[in-house]
PDB file of N, CA and C in Angstrom:
ATOM      1  N   MET A   1       1.306  56.477   1.802  1.00  0.00           N
ATOM      2  CA  MET A   1       0.853  55.807  -0.133  1.00  0.00           C
ATOM      3  C   MET A   1       2.010  55.092  -0.454  1.00  0.00           C
ATOM      4  N   HIS A   2       2.967  55.225  -0.224  1.00  0.00           N
ATOM      5  CA  HIS A   2       4.224  54.495  -0.517  1.00  0.00           C
ATOM      6  C   HIS A   2       4.459  53.325   0.365  1.00  0.00           C
ATOM      7  N   GLY A   3       3.966  53.563   0.882  1.00  0.00           N
ATOM      8  CA  GLY A   3       4.422  52.005   2.376  1.00  0.00           C
ATOM      9  C   GLY A   3       2.971  51.158   1.848  1.00  0.00           C
ATOM     10  N   SER A   4       1.545  51.611   1.071  1.00  0.00           N
ATOM     11  CA  SER A   4       0.951  50.441   0.790  1.00  0.00           C
ATOM     12  C   SER A   4       0.257  49.697  -0.287  1.00  0.00           C
ATOM     13  N   THR A   5       1.811  50.641  -1.548  1.00  0.00           N
ATOM     14  CA  THR A   5       2.016  50.030  -2.860  1.00  0.00           C
ATOM     15  C   THR A   5       3.422  49.204  -2.230  1.00  0.00           C
ATOM     16  N   LEU A   6       4.056  49.147  -1.785  1.00  0.00           N
ATOM     17  CA  LEU A   6       5.063  47.975  -1.035  1.00  0.00           C
ATOM     18  C   LEU A   6       4.267  46.969  -0.124  1.00  0.00           C
ATOM     19  N   LEU A   7       3.322  47.158   0.289  1.00  0.00           N
ATOM     20  CA  LEU A   7       2.984  46.131   1.051  1.00  0.00           C
ATOM     21  C   LEU A   7       1.714  44.617  -0.250  1.00  0.00           C
ATOM     22  N   MET A   8       0.990  46.202  -1.748  1.00  0.00           N
ATOM     23  CA  MET A   8       1.343  45.206  -2.396  1.00  0.00           C
ATOM     24  C   MET A   8       1.060  44.815  -3.171  1.00  0.00           C
ATOM     25  N   GLY A   9       2.670  45.339  -3.493  1.00  0.00           N
ATOM     26  CA  GLY A   9       3.503  44.744  -4.419  1.00  0.00           C
ATOM     27  C   GLY A   9       4.017  43.122  -3.431  1.00  0.00           C
ATOM     28  N   ALA A  10       4.579  43.480  -2.182  1.00  0.00           N
ATOM     29  CA  ALA A  10       4.884  42.506  -1.514  1.00  0.00           C
ATOM     30  C   ALA A  10       4.241  40.937  -1.805  1.00  0.00           C
ATOM     31  N   ALA A  11       2.470  41.178  -0.586  1.00  0.00           N
ATOM     32  CA  ALA A  11       1.719  40.591  -1.301  1.00  0.00           C
ATOM     33  C   ALA A  11       1.286  39.896  -2.735  1.00  0.00           C
ATOM     34  N   ALA A  12       1.774  40.593  -3.929  1.00  0.00           N
ATOM     35  CA  ALA A  12       1.029  40.465  -5.168  1.00  0.00           C
ATOM     36  C   ALA A  12       2.787  38.917  -5.812  1.00  0.00           C
ATOM     37  N   LEU A  13       3.444  39.665  -4.733  1.00  0.00           N
ATOM     38  CA  LEU A  13       4.621  38.736  -4.752  1.00  0.00           C
ATOM     39  C   LEU A  13       4.999  36.842  -4.457  1.00  0.00           C
ATOM     40  N   LEU A  14       4.305  37.175  -2.925  1.00  0.00           N
ATOM     41  CA  LEU A  14       3.331  36.082  -2.888  1.00  0.00           C
ATOM     42  C   LEU A  14       2.710  35.272  -3.277  1.00  0.00           C
ATOM     43  N   LEU A  15       1.712  36.038  -3.305  1.00  0.00           N
ATOM     44  CA  LEU A  15       1.195  35.016  -4.700  1.00  0.00           C
ATOM     45  C   LEU A  15       1.385  34.222  -6.201  1.00  0.00           C
ATOM     46  N   ILE A  16       1.998  34.899  -6.819  1.00  0.00           N
ATOM     47  CA  ILE A  16       2.849  34.481  -7.895  1.00  0.00           C
ATOM     48  C   ILE A  16       3.567  33.572  -7.170  1.00  0.00           C
ATOM     49  N   ALA A  17       4.752  33.357  -6.502  1.00  0.00           N
ATOM     50  CA  ALA A  17       5.474  32.953  -6.328  1.00  0.00           C
ATOM     51  C   ALA A  17       4.972  31.734  -4.959  1.00  0.00           C
ATOM     52  N   GLY A  18       3.783  31.637  -4.749  1.00  0.00           N
ATOM     53  CA  GLY A  18       4.177  30.452  -3.512  1.00  0.00           C
ATOM     54  C   GLY A  18       3.538  29.054  -4.488  1.00  0.00           C
ATOM     55  N   PRO A  19       3.685  28.502  -3.743  1.00  0.00           N
ATOM     56  CA  PRO A  19       3.374  27.305  -4.317  1.00  0.00           C
ATOM     57  C   PRO A  19       2.197  27.089  -5.079  1.00  0.00           C
ATOM     58  N   ALA A  20       2.103  26.541  -6.126  1.00  0.00           N
ATOM     59  CA  ALA A  20       0.538  25.529  -7.506  1.00  0.00           C
ATOM     60  C   ALA A  20       0.716  24.595  -6.820  1.00  0.00           C
ATOM     61  N   ALA A  21      -1.476  24.468  -6.650  1.00  0.00           N
ATOM     62  CA  ALA A  21      -2.237  23.351  -6.005  1.00  0.00           C
ATOM     63  C   ALA A  21      -2.428  22.938  -6.883  1.00  0.00           C
ATOM     64  N   ALA A  22      -1.638  21.573  -8.119  1.00  0.00           N
ATOM     65  CA  ALA A  22      -1.473  21.532  -8.660  1.00  0.00           C
ATOM     66  C   ALA A  22      -1.410  19.895  -8.214  1.00  0.00           C
ATOM     67  N   VAL A  23      -2.520  19.182  -8.979  1.00  0.00           N
ATOM     68  CA  VAL A  23      -2.089  17.587  -9.797  1.00  0.00           C
ATOM     69  C   VAL A  23      -1.262  17.048 -10.829  1.00  0.00           C
ATOM     70  N   THR A  24      -0.830  15.959 -10.302  1.00  0.00           N
ATOM     71  CA  THR A  24       0.086  15.475 -12.131  1.00  0.00           C
ATOM     72  C   THR A  24      -0.278  13.896 -11.519  1.00  0.00           C
ATOM     73  N   VAL A  25      -0.486  14.077 -12.965  1.00  0.00           N
ATOM     74  CA  VAL A  25      -0.744  12.513 -13.690  1.00  0.00           C
ATOM     75  C   VAL A  25       0.211  11.963 -14.671  1.00  0.00           C
ATOM     76  N   LYS A  26       1.141  11.147 -13.879  1.00  0.00           N
ATOM     77  CA  LYS A  26       1.874  10.752 -14.962  1.00  0.00           C
ATOM     78  C   LYS A  26       1.251   9.552 -15.543  1.00  0.00           C
ATOM     79  N   ASN A  27       1.491   8.831 -16.664  1.00  0.00           N
ATOM     80  CA  ASN A  27       1.074   7.745 -17.424  1.00  0.00           C
ATOM     81  C   ASN A  27       2.595   7.320 -17.553  1.00  0.00           C
ATOM     82  N   ALA A  28       3.540   6.292 -16.821  1.00  0.00           N
ATOM     83  CA  ALA A  28       4.153   4.662 -17.109  1.00  0.00           C
ATOM     84  C   ALA A  28       3.789   3.939 -17.812  1.00  0.00           C
ATOM     85  N   SER A  29       2.349   3.828 -18.843  1.00  0.00           N
ATOM     86  CA  SER A  29       2.176   3.002 -19.694  1.00  0.00           C
ATOM     87  C   SER A  29       3.377   3.476 -20.915  1.00  0.00           C
ATOM     88  N   LYS A  30       3.093   2.559 -21.719  1.00  0.00           N
ATOM     89  CA  LYS A  30       3.530   2.303 -23.359  1.00  0.00           C
ATOM     90  C   LYS A  30       2.249   2.990 -24.127  1.00  0.00           C
ATOM     91  N   SER A  31       1.515   3.012 -23.852  1.00  0.00           N
ATOM     92  CA  SER A  31       0.322   3.546 -24.480  1.00  0.00           C
ATOM     93  C   SER A  31      -0.560   4.900 -24.199  1.00  0.00           C
ATOM     94  N   GLU A  32      -1.051   5.235 -24.885  1.00  0.00           N
ATOM     95  CA  GLU A  32      -1.684   7.144 -24.471  1.00  0.00           C
ATOM     96  C   GLU A  32      -2.571   6.480 -23.768  1.00  0.00           C
ATOM     97  N   ILE A  33      -3.168   7.191 -22.745  1.00  0.00           N
ATOM     98  CA  ILE A  33      -4.767   7.265 -22.009  1.00  0.00           C
ATOM     99  C   ILE A  33      -5.026   8.175 -21.820  1.00  0.00           C
ATOM    100  N   THR A  34      -6.512   7.951 -20.834  1.00  0.00           N
ATOM    101  CA  THR A  34      -7.855   9.381 -21.344  1.00  0.00           C
ATOM    102  C   THR A  34      -7.739   9.352 -20.015  1.00  0.00           C
ATOM    103  N   ILE A  35      -7.412  10.442 -18.918  1.00  0.00           N
ATOM    104  CA  ILE A  35      -8.457  10.041 -17.428  1.00  0.00           C
ATOM    105  C   ILE A  35      -8.916  11.668 -17.483  1.00  0.00           C
ATOM    106  N   GLY A  36     -10.602  11.868 -16.699  1.00  0.00           N
ATOM    107  CA  GLY A  36     -11.674  12.666 -16.439  1.00  0.00           C
ATOM    108  C   GLY A  36     -11.302  13.236 -15.449  1.00  0.00           C
ATOM    109  N   VAL A  37     -11.021  14.392 -15.104  1.00  0.00           N
ATOM    110  CA  VAL A  37     -11.484  15.736 -14.132  1.00  0.00           C
ATOM    111  C   VAL A  37     -12.382  15.765 -13.701  1.00  0.00           C
ATOM    112  N   ASP A  38     -12.916  15.619 -12.512  1.00  0.00           N
ATOM    113  CA  ASP A  38     -14.560  16.019 -12.522  1.00  0.00           C
ATOM    114  C   ASP A  38     -14.157  16.910 -10.522  1.00  0.00           C
ATOM    115  N   TRP A  39     -14.195  19.089 -10.448  1.00  0.00           N
ATOM    116  CA  TRP A  39     -14.109  19.557  -9.585  1.00  0.00           C
ATOM    117  C   TRP A  39     -15.784  19.597  -9.669  1.00  0.00           C
ATOM    118  N   GLY A  40     -16.858  18.589 -10.108  1.00  0.00           N
ATOM    119  CA  GLY A  40     -18.033  18.552  -9.347  1.00  0.00           C
ATOM    120  C   GLY A  40     -18.960  19.429  -9.978  1.00  0.00           C
ATOM    121  N   SER A  41     -18.750  21.431 -10.048  1.00  0.00           N
ATOM    122  CA  SER A  41     -19.456  21.530 -10.750  1.00  0.00           C
ATOM    123  C   SER A  41     -19.053  21.315 -12.565  1.00  0.00           C
ATOM    124  N   LYS A  42     -17.975  21.079 -12.784  1.00  0.00           N
ATOM    125  CA  LYS A  42     -17.746  21.432 -14.161  1.00  0.00           C
ATOM    126  C   LYS A  42     -16.492  20.029 -14.503  1.00  0.00           C
ATOM    127  N   GLU A  43     -16.605  19.673 -15.586  1.00  0.00           N
ATOM    128  CA  GLU A  43     -15.704  18.611 -15.793  1.00  0.00           C
ATOM    129  C   GLU A  43     -14.055  18.334 -16.935  1.00  0.00           C
ATOM    130  N   LYS A  44     -13.350  17.443 -16.967  1.00  0.00           N
ATOM    131  CA  LYS A  44     -12.738  17.766 -18.124  1.00  0.00           C
ATOM    132  C   LYS A  44     -11.657  16.233 -18.487  1.00  0.00           C
ATOM    133  N   VAL A  45     -11.936  15.880 -20.065  1.00  0.00           N
ATOM    134  CA  VAL A  45     -10.670  14.863 -20.371  1.00  0.00           C
ATOM    135  C   VAL A  45      -9.752  15.226 -20.501  1.00  0.00           C
ATOM    136  N   GLU A  46      -8.559  14.253 -20.206  1.00  0.00           N
ATOM    137  CA  GLU A  46      -7.561  14.707 -20.319  1.00  0.00           C
ATOM    138  C   GLU A  46      -6.782  13.659 -21.514  1.00  0.00           C
ATOM    139  N   THR A  47      -5.961  13.892 -21.841  1.00  0.00           N
ATOM    140  CA  THR A  47      -5.450  12.647 -22.961  1.00  0.00           C
ATOM    141  C   THR A  47      -3.785  12.882 -22.639  1.00  0.00           C
ATOM    142  N   ILE A  48      -2.984  11.768 -22.110  1.00  0.00           N
ATOM    143  CA  ILE A  48      -1.550  11.631 -21.919  1.00  0.00           C
ATOM    144  C   ILE A  48      -1.188  10.508 -22.676  1.00  0.00           C
ATOM    145  N   PRO A  49       0.256  10.937 -23.475  1.00  0.00           N
ATOM    146  CA  PRO A  49       0.391  10.440 -24.225  1.00  0.00           C
ATOM    147  C   PRO A  49       1.047   9.517 -23.238  1.00  0.00           C
ATOM    148  N   ALA A  50       1.958   8.179 -23.998  1.00  0.00           N
ATOM    149  CA  ALA A  50       3.148   7.207 -23.124  1.00  0.00           C
ATOM    150  C   ALA A  50       4.149   7.963 -22.441  1.00  0.00           C
ATOM    151  N   GLY A  51       4.433   8.034 -21.819  1.00  0.00           N
ATOM    152  CA  GLY A  51       5.669   8.046 -20.788  1.00  0.00           C
ATOM    153  C   GLY A  51       5.418   9.692 -20.697  1.00  0.00           C
ATOM    154  N   LYS A  52       4.448  10.607 -20.638  1.00  0.00           N
ATOM    155  CA  LYS A  52       4.714  11.659 -20.368  1.00  0.00           C
ATOM    156  C   LYS A  52       3.466  11.972 -18.741  1.00  0.00           C
ATOM    157  N   SER A  53       3.536  13.575 -18.202  1.00  0.00           N
ATOM    158  CA  SER A  53       2.357  13.648 -18.005  1.00  0.00           C
ATOM    159  C   SER A  53       1.656  14.693 -18.105  1.00  0.00           C
ATOM    160  N   VAL A  54       0.403  14.961 -17.194  1.00  0.00           N
ATOM    161  CA  VAL A  54      -0.627  16.273 -17.010  1.00  0.00           C
ATOM    162  C   VAL A  54      -0.816  16.518 -15.608  1.00  0.00           C
ATOM    163  N   THR A  55      -0.426  17.938 -15.793  1.00  0.00           N
ATOM    164  CA  THR A  55      -0.694  18.846 -14.391  1.00  0.00           C
ATOM    165  C   THR A  55      -1.988  19.300 -14.521  1.00  0.00           C
ATOM    166  N   VAL A  56      -3.103  19.356 -13.306  1.00  0.00           N
ATOM    167  CA  VAL A  56      -4.510  19.974 -13.690  1.00  0.00           C
ATOM    168  C   VAL A  56      -4.340  20.876 -11.769  1.00  0.00           C
ATOM    169  N   ASP A  57      -4.811  21.734 -12.544  1.00  0.00           N
ATOM    170  CA  ASP A  57      -4.885  22.431 -11.042  1.00  0.00           C
ATOM    171  C   ASP A  57      -6.279  21.768  -9.755  1.00  0.00           C
ATOM    172  N   CYS A  58      -5.510  21.805  -8.383  1.00  0.00           N
ATOM    173  CA  CYS A  58      -7.293  20.712  -8.503  1.00  0.00           C
ATOM    174  C   CYS A  58      -6.945  21.097  -6.642  1.00  0.00           C
ATOM    175  N   LYS A  59      -6.524  23.349  -6.607  1.00  0.00           N
ATOM    176  CA  LYS A  59      -6.152  23.187  -5.500  1.00  0.00           C
ATOM    177  C   LYS A  59      -7.270  22.909  -3.842  1.00  0.00           C
ATOM    178  N   ASP A  60      -8.901  22.773  -4.697  1.00  0.00           N
ATOM    179  CA  ASP A  60     -10.180  22.887  -3.530  1.00  0.00           C
ATOM    180  C   ASP A  60     -10.742  21.045  -3.237  1.00  0.00           C
ATOM    181  N   GLY A  61      -9.639  19.973  -4.133  1.00  0.00           N
ATOM    182  CA  GLY A  61      -9.714  18.724  -4.124  1.00  0.00           C
ATOM    183  C   GLY A  61     -10.883  18.367  -5.578  1.00  0.00           C
ATOM    184  N   CYS A  62     -10.421  17.283  -6.253  1.00  0.00           N
ATOM    185  CA  CYS A  62     -10.940  17.202  -7.463  1.00  0.00           C
ATOM    186  C   CYS A  62     -11.237  15.592  -7.872  1.00  0.00           C
ATOM    187  N   GLY A  63     -11.846  15.301  -8.130  1.00  0.00           N
ATOM    188  CA  GLY A  63     -11.825  13.574  -8.579  1.00  0.00           C
ATOM    189  C   GLY A  63     -10.738  12.806  -9.951  1.00  0.00           C
ATOM    190  N   ILE A  64     -10.279  12.282  -9.657  1.00  0.00           N
ATOM    191  CA  ILE A  64      -8.932  11.680 -11.210  1.00  0.00           C
ATOM    192  C   ILE A  64      -9.286  10.542 -11.390  1.00  0.00           C
ATOM    193  N   SER A  65     -10.680  10.415 -12.587  1.00  0.00           N
ATOM    194  CA  SER A  65     -10.744   9.243 -13.257  1.00  0.00           C
ATOM    195  C   SER A  65     -10.358   8.493 -14.340  1.00  0.00           C
ATOM    196  N   GLY A  66      -9.447   7.459 -14.419  1.00  0.00           N
ATOM    197  CA  GLY A  66      -8.946   6.530 -15.478  1.00  0.00           C
ATOM    198  C   GLY A  66      -8.863   5.260 -16.241  1.00  0.00           C
ATOM    199  N   PRO A  67      -8.036   4.384 -16.584  1.00  0.00           N
ATOM    200  CA  PRO A  67      -7.418   3.122 -16.826  1.00  0.00           C
ATOM    201  C   PRO A  67      -7.693   2.159 -15.372  1.00  0.00           C
ATOM    202  N   TRP A  68      -7.867   2.676 -14.356  1.00  0.00           N
ATOM    203  CA  TRP A  68      -7.299   2.479 -12.959  1.00  0.00           C
ATOM    204  C   TRP A  68      -9.129   1.778 -12.479  1.00  0.00           C
ATOM    205  N   SER A  69      -9.815   2.041 -12.981  1.00  0.00           N
ATOM    206  CA  SER A  69     -11.327   2.010 -12.646  1.00  0.00           C
ATOM    207  C   SER A  69     -12.106   2.734 -12.000  1.00  0.00           C
ATOM    208  N   PHE A  70     -11.577   3.454 -11.070  1.00  0.00           N
ATOM    209  CA  PHE A  70     -12.303   4.270  -9.975  1.00  0.00           C
ATOM    210  C   PHE A  70     -11.595   5.282 -10.156  1.00  0.00           C
ATOM    211  N   SER A  71     -12.389   6.584  -9.068  1.00  0.00           N
ATOM    212  CA  SER A  71     -12.186   7.825  -9.226  1.00  0.00           C
ATOM    213  C   SER A  71     -11.566   8.059  -8.379  1.00  0.00           C
ATOM    214  N   TRP A  72     -10.450   9.100  -7.553  1.00  0.00           N
ATOM    215  CA  TRP A  72      -9.172   8.664  -7.340  1.00  0.00           C
ATOM    216  C   TRP A  72      -9.440  10.895  -6.555  1.00  0.00           C
ATOM    217  N   LYS A  73     -10.559  10.665  -5.624  1.00  0.00           N
ATOM    218  CA  LYS A  73      -9.755  11.878  -5.111  1.00  0.00           C
ATOM    219  C   LYS A  73      -8.729  12.719  -4.377  1.00  0.00           C
ATOM    220  N   ALA A  74      -8.671  13.566  -5.859  1.00  0.00           N
ATOM    221  CA  ALA A  74      -6.824  14.178  -5.271  1.00  0.00           C
ATOM    222  C   ALA A  74      -6.923  15.400  -5.053  1.00  0.00           C
ATOM    223  N   SER A  75      -6.245  15.766  -4.259  1.00  0.00           N
ATOM    224  CA  SER A  75      -5.766  18.155  -4.062  1.00  0.00           C
ATOM    225  C   SER A  75      -4.359  18.173  -3.864  1.00  0.00           C
ATOM    226  N   GLY A  76      -4.553  19.477  -3.398  1.00  0.00           N
ATOM    227  CA  GLY A  76      -3.051  19.928  -3.630  1.00  0.00           C
ATOM    228  C   GLY A  76      -1.970  19.392  -4.473  1.00  0.00           C
ATOM    229  N   ASP A  77      -0.873  19.084  -4.231  1.00  0.00           N
ATOM    230  CA  ASP A  77       0.723  18.371  -4.886  1.00  0.00           C
ATOM    231  C   ASP A  77      -0.021  17.287  -5.076  1.00  0.00           C
ATOM    232  N   ASP A  78      -0.659  16.655  -5.139  1.00  0.00           N
ATOM    233  CA  ASP A  78      -0.693  15.433  -5.120  1.00  0.00           C
ATOM    234  C   ASP A  78      -0.369  14.585  -6.293  1.00  0.00           C
ATOM    235  N   GLU A  79       0.790  13.608  -6.292  1.00  0.00           N
ATOM    236  CA  GLU A  79       0.834  12.675  -8.088  1.00  0.00           C
ATOM    237  C   GLU A  79       1.099  11.467  -8.200  1.00  0.00           C
ATOM    238  N   ILE A  80      -0.462  11.532  -9.068  1.00  0.00           N
ATOM    239  CA  ILE A  80      -0.400   9.795  -9.651  1.00  0.00           C
ATOM    240  C   ILE A  80       0.649   9.280 -10.481  1.00  0.00           C
ATOM    241  N   THR A  81       0.812   8.090  -9.949  1.00  0.00           N
ATOM    242  CA  THR A  81       1.152   7.436 -11.926  1.00  0.00           C
ATOM    243  C   THR A  81       0.687   6.036 -11.867  1.00  0.00           C
ATOM    244  N   THR A  82       0.185   6.274 -12.866  1.00  0.00           N
ATOM    245  CA  THR A  82      -0.199   5.029 -13.473  1.00  0.00           C
ATOM    246  C   THR A  82       0.756   4.260 -14.359  1.00  0.00           C
ATOM    247  N   ASP A  83       0.364   2.480 -14.245  1.00  0.00           N
ATOM    248  CA  ASP A  83       0.428   1.731 -15.229  1.00  0.00           C
ATOM    249  C   ASP A  83      -0.214   1.648 -17.061  1.00  0.00           C
ATOM    250  N   GLY A  84      -1.483   2.458 -16.713  1.00  0.00           N
ATOM    251  CA  GLY A  84      -2.119   2.180 -18.122  1.00  0.00           C
ATOM    252  C   GLY A  84      -3.390   1.125 -18.150  1.00  0.00           C
ATOM    253  N   THR A  85      -3.418   0.606 -16.558  1.00  0.00           N
ATOM    254  CA  THR A  85      -4.378  -1.132 -16.294  1.00  0.00           C
ATOM    255  C   THR A  85      -4.591  -0.472 -14.697  1.00  0.00           C
ATOM    256  N   SER A  86      -4.120  -0.327 -14.210  1.00  0.00           N
ATOM    257  CA  SER A  86      -4.053  -0.235 -12.442  1.00  0.00           C
ATOM    258  C   SER A  86      -3.188   1.412 -12.317  1.00  0.00           C
ATOM    259  N   LEU A  87      -4.276   1.566 -11.103  1.00  0.00           N
ATOM    260  CA  LEU A  87      -3.389   2.386 -10.046  1.00  0.00           C
ATOM    261  C   LEU A  87      -1.911   2.591  -9.774  1.00  0.00           C
ATOM    262  N   VAL A  88      -0.729   3.050  -9.741  1.00  0.00           N
ATOM    263  CA  VAL A  88       0.682   2.396  -9.588  1.00  0.00           C
ATOM    264  C   VAL A  88       0.830   3.218  -8.230  1.00  0.00           C
ATOM    265  N   THR A  89       0.838   4.543  -8.272  1.00  0.00           N
ATOM    266  CA  THR A  89       1.238   5.326  -6.570  1.00  0.00           C
ATOM    267  C   THR A  89       0.513   6.376  -6.621  1.00  0.00           C
ATOM    268  N   ASN A  90       0.144   6.893  -5.176  1.00  0.00           N
ATOM    269  CA  ASN A  90       0.046   8.126  -5.125  1.00  0.00           C
ATOM    270  C   ASN A  90       0.682   9.138  -4.048  1.00  0.00           C
ATOM    271  N   MET A  91       1.133   9.990  -4.457  1.00  0.00           N
ATOM    272  CA  MET A  91       1.890  10.414  -3.808  1.00  0.00           C
ATOM    273  C   MET A  91       1.633  11.662  -3.305  1.00  0.00           C
ATOM    274  N   GLY A  92       0.901  11.887  -2.315  1.00  0.00           N
ATOM    275  CA  GLY A  92       0.365  13.310  -2.038  1.00  0.00           C
ATOM    276  C   GLY A  92       0.352  13.622  -0.325  1.00  0.00           C
ATOM    277  N   LYS A  93      -0.007  14.883  -0.114  1.00  0.00           N
ATOM    278  CA  LYS A  93       0.712  15.188   1.124  1.00  0.00           C
ATOM    279  C   LYS A  93      -0.012  14.309   2.507  1.00  0.00           C
ATOM    280  N   GLU A  94       0.400  13.443   3.375  1.00  0.00           N
ATOM    281  CA  GLU A  94      -0.118  12.724   4.486  1.00  0.00           C
ATOM    282  C   GLU A  94      -0.644  13.881   5.215  1.00  0.00           C
TER     283      GLU A  94
END
């Protein structure tokens, strides 16, 4: 019984310590921006103050739309930076 408890504890620790699959959207502009996050079955709107960022859970993939006029397919630990008018960079895993 002690061995299985130890194994379950180790598995829980790995889940907690494992990398989170979250997309970060950074607002590099001097104005507040609004983005939409679409997981297919649900959507959410996030407001990002100037110079700040927001992180959203996106482990299974999601669409991120914003002031760059199109939706960006994101997943995992992607990092999107916008200047408020166009998509500046997407630093995702290749």
